[in-house]
N, C-alpha and C. Protein backbone atom coordinates (compact mmCIF):
# COMPACT_ATOMS: atom_id res chain seq x y z
N MET A 1 39.23 -2.77 0.82
CA MET A 1 38.51 -1.69 0.22
C MET A 1 37.91 -0.83 1.34
N SER A 2 38.20 0.46 1.32
CA SER A 2 37.66 1.36 2.33
C SER A 2 36.66 2.32 1.68
N PHE A 3 35.66 2.67 2.47
CA PHE A 3 34.63 3.58 2.00
C PHE A 3 34.92 5.01 2.42
N ILE A 4 34.37 5.96 1.69
CA ILE A 4 34.44 7.36 2.08
C ILE A 4 33.73 7.50 3.41
N THR A 5 34.36 8.13 4.37
CA THR A 5 33.75 8.35 5.68
C THR A 5 33.74 9.83 6.00
N ALA A 6 32.91 10.19 6.94
CA ALA A 6 32.80 11.57 7.39
C ALA A 6 32.74 11.55 8.92
N ILE A 7 32.79 12.72 9.49
CA ILE A 7 32.74 12.85 10.95
C ILE A 7 31.66 13.87 11.29
N THR A 8 30.80 13.52 12.24
CA THR A 8 29.77 14.45 12.69
C THR A 8 30.40 15.58 13.51
N ARG A 9 29.63 16.61 13.80
CA ARG A 9 30.15 17.70 14.64
C ARG A 9 30.58 17.19 16.00
N GLY A 10 29.94 16.11 16.45
CA GLY A 10 30.29 15.52 17.75
C GLY A 10 31.50 14.60 17.69
N GLY A 11 32.06 14.40 16.49
CA GLY A 11 33.25 13.59 16.36
C GLY A 11 33.01 12.12 16.04
N THR A 12 31.76 11.75 15.83
CA THR A 12 31.45 10.35 15.52
C THR A 12 31.61 10.10 14.03
N PRO A 13 32.40 9.11 13.65
CA PRO A 13 32.55 8.81 12.23
C PRO A 13 31.32 8.07 11.68
N TYR A 14 31.00 8.30 10.42
CA TYR A 14 29.92 7.57 9.75
C TYR A 14 30.26 7.44 8.27
N THR A 15 29.59 6.51 7.60
CA THR A 15 29.78 6.28 6.18
C THR A 15 28.55 6.80 5.43
N PRO A 16 28.69 7.89 4.65
CA PRO A 16 27.55 8.41 3.90
C PRO A 16 27.09 7.40 2.85
N GLN A 17 25.80 7.35 2.65
CA GLN A 17 25.19 6.49 1.64
C GLN A 17 24.67 7.39 0.52
N PHE A 18 25.31 7.35 -0.63
CA PHE A 18 24.98 8.24 -1.75
C PHE A 18 23.89 7.62 -2.63
N VAL A 19 23.04 8.47 -3.20
CA VAL A 19 21.95 7.98 -4.05
C VAL A 19 22.54 7.26 -5.25
N SER A 20 22.09 6.03 -5.47
CA SER A 20 22.60 5.23 -6.57
C SER A 20 21.53 4.92 -7.61
N GLU A 21 20.26 4.99 -7.20
CA GLU A 21 19.18 4.69 -8.12
C GLU A 21 17.92 5.42 -7.70
N LEU A 22 17.16 5.88 -8.68
CA LEU A 22 15.84 6.45 -8.47
C LEU A 22 14.90 5.65 -9.37
N ARG A 23 14.02 4.86 -8.76
CA ARG A 23 13.09 4.02 -9.52
C ARG A 23 11.89 4.86 -9.94
N GLN A 24 11.93 5.37 -11.17
CA GLN A 24 10.88 6.25 -11.68
C GLN A 24 9.55 5.55 -11.80
N ILE A 25 9.54 4.24 -11.93
CA ILE A 25 8.29 3.51 -12.04
C ILE A 25 7.46 3.65 -10.76
N ASN A 26 8.13 3.85 -9.62
CA ASN A 26 7.44 4.03 -8.34
C ASN A 26 7.09 5.48 -8.06
N CYS A 27 7.78 6.42 -8.71
CA CYS A 27 7.68 7.84 -8.40
C CYS A 27 6.31 8.41 -8.78
N ILE A 28 5.74 9.20 -7.87
CA ILE A 28 4.46 9.86 -8.12
C ILE A 28 4.65 11.35 -8.42
N GLY A 29 5.90 11.81 -8.48
CA GLY A 29 6.18 13.20 -8.83
C GLY A 29 5.75 14.20 -7.78
N CYS A 30 5.76 13.81 -6.51
CA CYS A 30 5.30 14.70 -5.44
C CYS A 30 6.28 15.83 -5.15
N GLY A 31 7.58 15.65 -5.46
CA GLY A 31 8.57 16.70 -5.26
C GLY A 31 9.13 16.80 -3.86
N ARG A 32 8.78 15.89 -2.98
CA ARG A 32 9.28 15.94 -1.60
C ARG A 32 10.80 15.81 -1.55
N CYS A 33 11.35 14.92 -2.37
CA CYS A 33 12.81 14.73 -2.38
C CYS A 33 13.51 15.99 -2.88
N PHE A 34 12.93 16.63 -3.88
CA PHE A 34 13.48 17.86 -4.43
C PHE A 34 13.52 18.95 -3.37
N LYS A 35 12.45 19.07 -2.60
CA LYS A 35 12.35 20.10 -1.57
C LYS A 35 13.30 19.87 -0.40
N VAL A 36 13.56 18.62 -0.04
CA VAL A 36 14.38 18.33 1.13
C VAL A 36 15.87 18.24 0.79
N CYS A 37 16.21 18.08 -0.47
CA CYS A 37 17.61 17.91 -0.87
C CYS A 37 18.39 19.22 -0.71
N PRO A 38 19.50 19.21 0.04
CA PRO A 38 20.28 20.44 0.22
C PRO A 38 21.16 20.78 -0.99
N ARG A 39 21.21 19.91 -1.96
CA ARG A 39 22.02 20.11 -3.16
C ARG A 39 21.11 20.12 -4.39
N ASP A 40 21.66 20.28 -5.57
CA ASP A 40 20.90 20.34 -6.82
C ASP A 40 20.93 18.97 -7.50
N VAL A 41 20.42 17.93 -6.80
CA VAL A 41 20.54 16.56 -7.29
C VAL A 41 19.36 16.15 -8.19
N PHE A 42 18.17 16.70 -7.94
CA PHE A 42 16.96 16.23 -8.63
C PHE A 42 16.35 17.29 -9.53
N GLU A 43 15.53 16.80 -10.49
CA GLU A 43 14.69 17.68 -11.29
C GLU A 43 13.43 16.92 -11.67
N LEU A 44 12.33 17.65 -11.79
CA LEU A 44 11.06 17.09 -12.19
C LEU A 44 10.97 17.13 -13.71
N ILE A 45 10.71 15.99 -14.32
CA ILE A 45 10.63 15.90 -15.78
C ILE A 45 9.33 15.22 -16.17
N GLU A 46 9.00 15.28 -17.46
CA GLU A 46 7.82 14.57 -17.95
C GLU A 46 8.10 13.08 -17.97
N ARG A 47 7.11 12.32 -17.56
CA ARG A 47 7.24 10.86 -17.54
C ARG A 47 7.30 10.36 -18.97
N GLU A 48 8.24 9.46 -19.24
CA GLU A 48 8.36 8.88 -20.58
C GLU A 48 7.23 7.90 -20.82
N GLY A 49 6.71 7.88 -22.03
CA GLY A 49 5.63 6.96 -22.38
C GLY A 49 4.29 7.53 -21.96
N SER A 50 3.26 6.91 -22.39
CA SER A 50 1.91 7.37 -22.11
C SER A 50 1.31 6.57 -20.98
N LEU A 51 0.78 7.27 -19.99
CA LEU A 51 0.09 6.58 -18.91
C LEU A 51 -1.29 6.14 -19.34
N GLY A 52 -1.81 6.75 -20.40
CA GLY A 52 -3.14 6.38 -20.87
C GLY A 52 -3.23 4.92 -21.23
N SER A 53 -2.17 4.35 -21.78
CA SER A 53 -2.18 2.94 -22.15
C SER A 53 -2.15 2.04 -20.92
N LEU A 54 -1.69 2.57 -19.79
CA LEU A 54 -1.65 1.77 -18.57
C LEU A 54 -3.00 1.75 -17.87
N ASN A 55 -3.84 2.73 -18.13
CA ASN A 55 -5.13 2.86 -17.46
C ASN A 55 -6.24 2.35 -18.37
N SER A 56 -6.47 1.06 -18.34
CA SER A 56 -7.46 0.46 -19.22
C SER A 56 -8.85 0.46 -18.63
N ASP A 57 -9.02 0.95 -17.40
CA ASP A 57 -10.32 0.92 -16.75
C ASP A 57 -11.05 2.24 -16.91
N ASP A 58 -11.08 2.77 -18.11
CA ASP A 58 -11.74 4.05 -18.38
C ASP A 58 -13.24 3.89 -18.18
N ASP A 59 -13.75 4.51 -17.13
CA ASP A 59 -15.16 4.40 -16.83
C ASP A 59 -15.94 5.63 -17.27
N GLY A 60 -15.28 6.51 -18.02
CA GLY A 60 -15.96 7.70 -18.52
C GLY A 60 -16.01 8.83 -17.53
N ASP A 61 -15.45 8.65 -16.35
CA ASP A 61 -15.43 9.69 -15.33
C ASP A 61 -14.44 10.77 -15.74
N ASP A 62 -14.89 12.00 -15.87
CA ASP A 62 -14.04 13.09 -16.34
C ASP A 62 -13.32 13.81 -15.21
N ASP A 63 -13.49 13.39 -13.96
CA ASP A 63 -12.84 14.03 -12.83
C ASP A 63 -11.37 13.65 -12.80
N PRO A 64 -10.43 14.62 -13.03
CA PRO A 64 -9.01 14.27 -13.06
C PRO A 64 -8.45 13.86 -11.71
N TYR A 65 -9.20 14.11 -10.63
CA TYR A 65 -8.71 13.76 -9.30
C TYR A 65 -9.31 12.46 -8.80
N SER A 66 -10.04 11.79 -9.66
CA SER A 66 -10.62 10.51 -9.30
C SER A 66 -9.67 9.39 -9.68
N ASP A 67 -9.36 8.54 -8.72
CA ASP A 67 -8.52 7.38 -9.01
C ASP A 67 -8.90 6.26 -8.07
N ASP A 68 -8.37 5.08 -8.34
CA ASP A 68 -8.73 3.91 -7.57
C ASP A 68 -7.79 3.62 -6.41
N ASP A 69 -6.60 4.19 -6.40
CA ASP A 69 -5.63 3.81 -5.38
C ASP A 69 -5.53 4.79 -4.22
N ASP A 70 -6.33 5.84 -4.20
CA ASP A 70 -6.41 6.79 -3.08
C ASP A 70 -5.07 7.36 -2.64
N ASP A 71 -4.13 7.59 -3.59
CA ASP A 71 -2.87 8.20 -3.21
C ASP A 71 -2.92 9.72 -3.31
N GLY A 72 -4.06 10.27 -3.72
CA GLY A 72 -4.21 11.71 -3.80
C GLY A 72 -3.76 12.31 -5.11
N PHE A 73 -3.35 11.48 -6.05
CA PHE A 73 -2.88 11.95 -7.35
C PHE A 73 -3.72 11.34 -8.45
N ALA A 74 -3.96 12.11 -9.49
CA ALA A 74 -4.69 11.59 -10.64
C ALA A 74 -3.87 10.51 -11.32
N ASP A 75 -4.55 9.56 -11.93
CA ASP A 75 -3.86 8.46 -12.61
C ASP A 75 -3.08 8.93 -13.82
N ASP A 76 -3.39 10.10 -14.35
CA ASP A 76 -2.71 10.57 -15.55
C ASP A 76 -1.59 11.56 -15.23
N THR A 77 -1.06 11.51 -14.00
CA THR A 77 0.06 12.38 -13.63
C THR A 77 1.21 12.15 -14.59
N ALA A 78 1.71 13.23 -15.19
CA ALA A 78 2.70 13.09 -16.25
C ALA A 78 4.10 13.53 -15.83
N MET A 79 4.33 13.80 -14.56
CA MET A 79 5.64 14.24 -14.11
C MET A 79 6.26 13.18 -13.19
N VAL A 80 7.59 13.14 -13.24
CA VAL A 80 8.33 12.18 -12.43
C VAL A 80 9.68 12.80 -12.07
N MET A 81 10.24 12.42 -10.95
CA MET A 81 11.54 12.95 -10.54
C MET A 81 12.65 12.22 -11.28
N SER A 82 13.75 12.93 -11.49
CA SER A 82 14.90 12.39 -12.20
C SER A 82 16.17 12.85 -11.49
N LEU A 83 17.26 12.10 -11.67
CA LEU A 83 18.55 12.50 -11.13
C LEU A 83 19.18 13.49 -12.09
N LYS A 84 19.30 14.74 -11.65
CA LYS A 84 19.88 15.80 -12.47
C LYS A 84 21.40 15.84 -12.30
N ASN A 85 21.86 15.89 -11.06
CA ASN A 85 23.29 15.95 -10.73
C ASN A 85 23.60 14.95 -9.61
N PRO A 86 23.61 13.65 -9.91
CA PRO A 86 23.85 12.68 -8.83
C PRO A 86 25.21 12.82 -8.17
N LEU A 87 26.17 13.42 -8.86
CA LEU A 87 27.49 13.60 -8.25
C LEU A 87 27.51 14.71 -7.20
N ASP A 88 26.43 15.50 -7.12
CA ASP A 88 26.31 16.52 -6.07
C ASP A 88 25.75 15.96 -4.77
N CYS A 89 25.33 14.69 -4.77
CA CYS A 89 24.77 14.06 -3.58
C CYS A 89 25.81 14.05 -2.46
N ILE A 90 25.39 14.44 -1.25
CA ILE A 90 26.30 14.44 -0.09
C ILE A 90 26.08 13.23 0.82
N GLY A 91 25.15 12.35 0.46
CA GLY A 91 24.96 11.12 1.22
C GLY A 91 24.13 11.26 2.47
N CYS A 92 23.27 12.26 2.55
CA CYS A 92 22.47 12.47 3.76
C CYS A 92 21.25 11.56 3.83
N GLU A 93 20.82 11.01 2.71
CA GLU A 93 19.67 10.11 2.60
C GLU A 93 18.34 10.75 2.97
N ALA A 94 18.28 12.08 2.99
CA ALA A 94 17.02 12.75 3.30
C ALA A 94 15.95 12.42 2.27
N CYS A 95 16.35 12.24 1.02
CA CYS A 95 15.40 11.93 -0.05
C CYS A 95 14.68 10.62 0.20
N SER A 96 15.40 9.60 0.63
CA SER A 96 14.75 8.31 0.85
C SER A 96 13.92 8.30 2.12
N ARG A 97 14.29 9.11 3.10
CA ARG A 97 13.49 9.18 4.32
C ARG A 97 12.16 9.89 4.10
N ILE A 98 12.11 10.83 3.15
CA ILE A 98 10.88 11.60 2.91
C ILE A 98 10.01 10.98 1.83
N CYS A 99 10.57 10.09 1.02
CA CYS A 99 9.84 9.51 -0.13
C CYS A 99 8.73 8.56 0.33
N PRO A 100 7.48 8.84 -0.07
CA PRO A 100 6.37 7.97 0.34
C PRO A 100 6.28 6.68 -0.46
N LYS A 101 7.03 6.56 -1.55
CA LYS A 101 6.92 5.39 -2.43
C LYS A 101 8.20 4.55 -2.50
N ASN A 102 9.18 4.83 -1.63
CA ASN A 102 10.42 4.04 -1.56
C ASN A 102 11.11 3.95 -2.92
N CYS A 103 11.38 5.09 -3.53
CA CYS A 103 11.95 5.15 -4.87
C CYS A 103 13.48 5.10 -4.92
N PHE A 104 14.15 5.25 -3.80
CA PHE A 104 15.60 5.45 -3.82
C PHE A 104 16.38 4.26 -3.29
N SER A 105 17.57 4.06 -3.89
CA SER A 105 18.57 3.14 -3.37
C SER A 105 19.83 3.96 -3.12
N HIS A 106 20.55 3.62 -2.07
CA HIS A 106 21.79 4.31 -1.72
C HIS A 106 22.90 3.30 -1.49
N GLN A 107 24.13 3.75 -1.67
CA GLN A 107 25.28 2.90 -1.38
C GLN A 107 26.48 3.77 -1.05
N PRO A 108 27.39 3.24 -0.25
CA PRO A 108 28.62 3.99 0.06
C PRO A 108 29.55 3.98 -1.15
N LEU A 109 30.45 4.94 -1.21
CA LEU A 109 31.44 4.99 -2.28
C LEU A 109 32.81 4.64 -1.72
N THR A 110 33.61 4.00 -2.54
CA THR A 110 34.95 3.64 -2.11
C THR A 110 35.86 4.86 -2.19
N ALA A 111 36.81 4.93 -1.27
CA ALA A 111 37.74 6.04 -1.22
C ALA A 111 38.80 5.93 -2.27
């Protein structure tokens, strides 16, 4: 079994690793992967299900920017990244290098 390979401008062969999974449970909806992707692979969508049921520590604080994990995002963030056109992925892995929450898995494709 051989994998799809490519050649750099310098002539060095490499095996691209294409996005195979986006773990939305880890995604904070920051959009970094969307911004760095040279293709139309991602889109920001509303998170399925209610986050309110996950946040049982309601202390009555009305500040939407107050949270316990100091990630800079409110606990009720309702957006998450999704794979819009995974077949447009060119295997550069820029999305996984920029992702602060390690949401992506990649794998080579067979030729």
